[in-house]
């Protein structure tokens, strides 16, 4: 069985697919040119498949290239072909699951991640990604179970704590959410995500001072994090701090092209005059 490491996609998606093009299992009499783009990689893998229709590595790598080009339907076709040729290829289920999730086909993604777990019960990334899919369809209890298993297997996955915290937040279990976000921050203190999410949890439970501290930290780490300005402005509105609220909300209005965010900011400003 082909195993996956927790960071495998960070390696596979970059240069390896291009460099691997000349190594699809065929010996050539003439030297094969290294591809310089995903389009060229696809062409070379297609030629490899024409020479050997059972070359599952060529299908797999072409699927990765299609995924990078956001040609998701063709990526799924190729990953499905890999599975047809080698039903135990964990990588193909993994990346097909990712593509299904990108397309919003969460149930299909869950099926693929579940298959990985059957093949490799210790695949932390499969539990983690299945948790994401479960959360997307608001199956928060199942998501929490999956994130917890991922954490048991890989305690250093900051994203699992963040996402489990979001699931707890959705269930109004704010103390548990804050504990998870705090752990995520401990693991990655330079990531704005943990502070932002914890700020939301603090605000939800009415601890506005702590929420402001976290949103301010987000802005310190990422001065262009417009949603942090919006959320901090919202908290200032709740506290009746008009000048601070207007400063944050005008930042949102002036710096974004997103009509929805702009309208939210305007609505909050209008609350100050009520």
Protein backbone atom coordinates (compact mmCIF):
# COMPACT_ATOMS: atom_id res chain seq x y z
CA UNK A 1 0.00 0.00 0.00
CA UNK A 2 1.24 3.48 -0.80
CA UNK A 3 1.36 5.52 2.40
CA UNK A 4 0.92 9.26 2.84
CA UNK A 5 2.82 11.52 5.19
CA UNK A 6 0.98 14.45 6.73
CA UNK A 7 2.85 16.95 4.56
CA UNK A 8 2.92 14.89 1.40
CA UNK A 9 0.77 17.26 -0.64
CA UNK A 10 3.15 20.12 -0.01
CA UNK A 11 5.83 18.10 -1.78
CA UNK A 12 3.83 16.45 -4.51
CA UNK A 13 2.00 19.50 -5.77
CA UNK A 14 5.10 21.55 -6.49
CA UNK A 15 8.05 20.47 -8.57
CA UNK A 16 7.90 16.71 -8.27
CA UNK A 17 5.11 16.23 -10.78
CA UNK A 18 7.09 18.08 -13.41
CA UNK A 19 10.37 16.39 -12.61
CA UNK A 20 8.73 12.97 -12.63
CA UNK A 21 7.48 13.31 -16.17
CA UNK A 22 10.52 11.70 -17.68
CA UNK A 23 10.30 8.78 -15.26
CA UNK A 24 6.97 7.11 -15.98
CA UNK A 25 8.49 3.68 -16.29
CA UNK A 26 9.45 3.77 -19.98
CA UNK A 27 13.01 3.54 -21.29
CA UNK A 28 13.51 5.86 -24.23
CA UNK A 29 16.29 5.75 -26.80
CA UNK A 30 16.18 9.53 -27.04
CA UNK A 31 16.47 11.94 -24.14
CA UNK A 32 13.12 13.27 -22.95
CA UNK A 33 12.88 16.98 -22.25
CA UNK A 34 11.82 18.05 -18.78
CA UNK A 35 8.42 19.80 -18.92
CA UNK A 36 8.27 23.43 -17.88
CA UNK A 37 4.52 23.69 -17.23
CA UNK A 38 1.61 21.55 -16.11
CA UNK A 39 0.28 21.62 -19.66
CA UNK A 40 3.52 20.10 -20.91
CA UNK A 41 3.46 17.60 -18.06
CA UNK A 42 -0.04 16.52 -19.09
CA UNK A 43 1.10 16.07 -22.67
CA UNK A 44 4.05 13.90 -21.63
CA UNK A 45 1.97 11.80 -19.24
CA UNK A 46 -0.64 11.34 -21.96
CA UNK A 47 2.08 10.06 -24.28
CA UNK A 48 3.25 7.70 -21.54
CA UNK A 49 -0.29 6.38 -21.15
CA UNK A 50 -0.56 5.82 -24.90
CA UNK A 51 2.57 3.67 -24.68
CA UNK A 52 1.32 1.81 -21.60
CA UNK A 53 -2.40 2.16 -20.82
CA UNK A 54 -1.81 0.46 -17.44
CA UNK A 55 0.78 3.00 -16.26
CA UNK A 56 -1.04 4.03 -13.09
CA UNK A 57 1.76 6.40 -12.05
CA UNK A 58 1.23 8.37 -15.26
CA UNK A 59 -2.51 8.61 -14.56
CA UNK A 60 -1.78 9.65 -10.99
CA UNK A 61 0.67 12.39 -11.92
CA UNK A 62 -1.52 13.62 -14.75
CA UNK A 63 -4.35 13.83 -12.25
CA UNK A 64 -2.18 16.00 -10.00
CA UNK A 65 -1.40 18.27 -12.96
CA UNK A 66 -5.09 18.57 -13.84
CA UNK A 67 -5.80 19.43 -10.21
CA UNK A 68 -3.20 22.18 -10.26
CA UNK A 69 -4.83 23.59 -13.40
CA UNK A 70 -8.22 23.38 -11.62
CA UNK A 71 -9.49 20.96 -14.26
CA UNK A 72 -11.16 18.96 -11.54
CA UNK A 73 -13.36 16.67 -13.62
CA UNK A 74 -10.38 15.33 -15.55
CA UNK A 75 -8.40 15.01 -12.33
CA UNK A 76 -11.16 12.81 -10.91
CA UNK A 77 -11.16 10.68 -14.05
CA UNK A 78 -7.43 10.07 -13.71
CA UNK A 79 -7.49 9.35 -9.98
CA UNK A 80 -10.40 6.97 -10.57
CA UNK A 81 -8.34 5.18 -13.23
CA UNK A 82 -5.49 4.77 -10.74
CA UNK A 83 -7.93 3.21 -8.28
CA UNK A 84 -9.24 0.89 -11.00
CA UNK A 85 -5.68 -0.25 -11.74
CA UNK A 86 -4.59 -0.38 -8.10
CA UNK A 87 -7.50 -0.38 -5.61
CA UNK A 88 -5.07 -0.04 -2.70
CA UNK A 89 -3.39 3.17 -3.89
CA UNK A 90 -4.05 5.45 -0.94
CA UNK A 91 -2.73 8.50 -2.78
CA UNK A 92 -5.44 8.35 -5.43
CA UNK A 93 -8.24 8.18 -2.85
CA UNK A 94 -6.62 11.04 -0.97
CA UNK A 95 -6.34 13.42 -3.89
CA UNK A 96 -9.68 12.42 -5.38
CA UNK A 97 -11.18 13.20 -1.99
CA UNK A 98 -9.51 16.60 -2.01
CA UNK A 99 -10.90 17.35 -5.47
CA UNK A 100 -14.38 16.21 -4.45
CA UNK A 101 -14.16 18.53 -1.44
CA UNK A 102 -13.05 21.46 -3.60
CA UNK A 103 -16.09 20.84 -5.80
CA UNK A 104 -18.40 20.74 -2.80
CA UNK A 105 -19.11 17.02 -3.20
CA UNK A 106 -18.56 16.38 0.48
CA UNK A 107 -20.29 13.02 0.72
CA UNK A 108 -18.09 11.66 -2.07
CA UNK A 109 -15.03 13.05 -0.32
CA UNK A 110 -16.08 11.33 2.91
CA UNK A 111 -16.35 8.01 1.06
CA UNK A 112 -12.80 8.37 -0.23
CA UNK A 113 -11.33 9.37 3.13
CA UNK A 114 -13.17 6.48 4.76
CA UNK A 115 -11.61 4.10 2.25
CA UNK A 116 -8.16 5.44 3.14
CA UNK A 117 -8.86 4.78 6.81
CA UNK A 118 -9.87 1.21 5.96
CA UNK A 119 -6.56 0.75 4.14
CA UNK A 120 -4.47 2.67 6.67
CA UNK A 121 -6.13 3.16 10.08
CA UNK A 122 -3.25 5.38 11.21
CA UNK A 123 -3.60 7.92 8.38
CA UNK A 124 -4.02 11.10 10.42
CA UNK A 125 -4.53 13.25 7.32
CA UNK A 126 -7.49 11.11 6.26
CA UNK A 127 -9.28 11.71 9.57
CA UNK A 128 -8.35 15.39 9.35
CA UNK A 129 -9.74 15.83 5.84
CA UNK A 130 -12.82 13.74 6.57
CA UNK A 131 -13.40 16.05 9.52
CA UNK A 132 -13.29 19.05 7.18
CA UNK A 133 -15.87 17.43 4.91
CA UNK A 134 -18.07 16.50 7.89
CA UNK A 135 -17.92 20.07 9.16
CA UNK A 136 -18.86 21.42 5.73
CA UNK A 137 -22.16 19.51 5.88
CA UNK A 138 -22.64 20.59 9.52
CA UNK A 139 -22.06 17.13 10.95
CA UNK A 140 -20.14 18.68 13.80
CA UNK A 141 -20.09 15.71 16.17
CA UNK A 142 -18.60 13.47 13.49
CA UNK A 143 -16.13 16.22 12.59
CA UNK A 144 -15.03 16.51 16.21
CA UNK A 145 -14.55 12.75 16.39
CA UNK A 146 -12.37 12.80 13.28
CA UNK A 147 -10.29 15.77 14.40
CA UNK A 148 -9.78 14.13 17.78
CA UNK A 149 -8.51 10.96 16.11
CA UNK A 150 -6.20 13.01 13.88
CA UNK A 151 -4.82 14.75 16.96
CA UNK A 152 -4.32 11.42 18.73
CA UNK A 153 -2.26 10.22 15.77
CA UNK A 154 -0.46 13.52 15.04
CA UNK A 155 -0.59 15.84 18.08
CA UNK A 156 1.27 18.61 16.27
CA UNK A 157 -1.40 19.33 13.62
CA UNK A 158 -2.37 22.92 14.45
CA UNK A 159 -5.10 22.83 11.80
CA UNK A 160 -6.87 19.96 13.55
CA UNK A 161 -7.13 22.00 16.75
CA UNK A 162 -8.32 25.04 14.80
CA UNK A 163 -10.96 23.09 12.92
CA UNK A 164 -12.13 21.17 15.98
CA UNK A 165 -12.40 24.53 17.72
CA UNK A 166 -14.59 25.78 14.89
CA UNK A 167 -16.82 22.73 15.30
CA UNK A 168 -17.12 23.36 19.04
CA UNK A 169 -17.84 27.02 18.29
CA UNK A 170 -20.66 25.99 15.95
CA UNK A 171 -22.09 23.89 18.80
CA UNK A 172 -21.86 26.89 21.18
CA UNK A 173 -19.27 25.05 23.28
CA UNK A 174 -17.08 28.11 23.57
CA UNK A 175 -14.81 26.99 26.41
CA UNK A 176 -13.78 23.91 24.43
CA UNK A 177 -13.36 26.02 21.32
CA UNK A 178 -11.09 28.49 23.11
CA UNK A 179 -9.00 25.65 24.53
CA UNK A 180 -8.47 24.26 21.03
CA UNK A 181 -7.65 27.62 19.49
CA UNK A 182 -5.19 28.28 22.29
CA UNK A 183 -3.48 24.96 21.56
CA UNK A 184 -3.32 25.83 17.87
CA UNK A 185 -1.69 29.15 18.79
CA UNK A 186 0.79 27.31 21.01
CA UNK A 187 1.75 25.12 18.05
CA UNK A 188 1.92 28.00 15.57
CA UNK A 189 2.15 31.37 17.28
CA UNK A 190 2.69 33.25 14.02
CA UNK A 191 -0.50 32.08 12.36
CA UNK A 192 -3.33 34.61 12.41
CA UNK A 193 -5.97 31.89 12.09
CA UNK A 194 -5.88 30.71 15.70
CA UNK A 195 -6.12 34.23 17.09
CA UNK A 196 -8.92 35.15 14.70
CA UNK A 197 -10.97 32.07 15.54
CA UNK A 198 -10.37 32.48 19.27
CA UNK A 199 -11.47 36.11 18.98
CA UNK A 200 -14.76 34.93 17.47
CA UNK A 201 -15.26 32.47 20.33
CA UNK A 202 -14.51 35.13 22.95
CA UNK A 203 -16.95 37.51 21.26
CA UNK A 204 -19.62 34.81 21.11
CA UNK A 205 -19.38 34.30 24.86
CA UNK A 206 -19.40 38.05 25.54
CA UNK A 207 -15.74 38.40 26.53
CA UNK A 208 -15.22 41.44 24.35
CA UNK A 209 -11.93 42.60 25.86
CA UNK A 210 -10.29 39.25 25.10
CA UNK A 211 -11.80 39.28 21.62
CA UNK A 212 -10.28 42.70 20.91
CA UNK A 213 -6.87 41.51 22.10
CA UNK A 214 -7.02 38.56 19.69
CA UNK A 215 -8.29 40.56 16.72
CA UNK A 216 -5.57 43.13 17.36
CA UNK A 217 -2.99 40.34 17.32
CA UNK A 218 -4.38 39.13 14.00
CA UNK A 219 -3.95 42.60 12.52
CA UNK A 220 -0.42 42.80 13.92
CA UNK A 221 0.43 39.52 12.17
CA UNK A 222 -1.50 40.34 9.00
CA UNK A 223 -2.26 44.05 8.51
CA UNK A 224 -4.43 43.21 5.49
CA UNK A 225 -6.73 40.83 7.38
CA UNK A 226 -9.90 42.79 6.61
CA UNK A 227 -12.20 40.39 8.44
CA UNK A 228 -10.27 41.04 11.65
CA UNK A 229 -10.97 44.76 11.26
CA UNK A 230 -14.63 43.96 10.62
CA UNK A 231 -14.88 41.69 13.65
CA UNK A 232 -13.02 44.09 15.91
CA UNK A 233 -15.25 46.90 14.69
CA UNK A 234 -18.28 44.76 15.50
CA UNK A 235 -17.02 44.24 19.05
CA UNK A 236 -16.38 47.97 19.44
CA UNK A 237 -19.99 48.56 18.37
CA UNK A 238 -21.15 46.14 21.08
CA UNK A 239 -19.04 48.06 23.60
CA UNK A 240 -20.34 51.42 22.41
CA UNK A 241 -16.85 52.60 21.44
CA UNK A 242 -17.95 54.70 18.50
CA UNK A 243 -14.63 56.22 17.38
CA UNK A 244 -12.77 52.89 17.45
CA UNK A 245 -15.63 51.13 15.67
CA UNK A 246 -15.82 53.71 12.89
CA UNK A 247 -12.06 53.58 12.33
CA UNK A 248 -12.13 49.81 11.84
CA UNK A 249 -15.30 49.73 9.77
CA UNK A 250 -14.16 52.55 7.49
CA UNK A 251 -10.98 50.54 6.93
CA UNK A 252 -13.16 47.70 5.68
CA UNK A 253 -15.26 49.94 3.44
CA UNK A 254 -12.25 51.69 1.92
CA UNK A 255 -10.01 48.66 1.41
CA UNK A 256 -12.25 45.92 0.02
CA UNK A 257 -14.16 45.32 -3.19
CA UNK A 258 -16.40 42.70 -1.59
CA UNK A 259 -19.96 44.10 -1.57
CA UNK A 260 -21.01 41.73 1.22
CA UNK A 261 -18.25 42.83 3.59
CA UNK A 262 -18.87 46.48 2.74
CA UNK A 263 -22.57 46.10 3.50
CA UNK A 264 -21.81 44.42 6.83
CA UNK A 265 -19.56 47.33 7.75
CA UNK A 266 -22.20 49.90 6.75
CA UNK A 267 -24.86 48.04 8.75
CA UNK A 268 -22.65 48.15 11.84
CA UNK A 269 -21.97 51.86 11.40
CA UNK A 270 -25.71 52.47 11.16
CA UNK A 271 -26.16 50.69 14.50
CA UNK A 272 -24.00 53.37 16.11
CA UNK A 273 -26.56 56.02 15.21
CA UNK A 274 -29.57 54.08 16.51
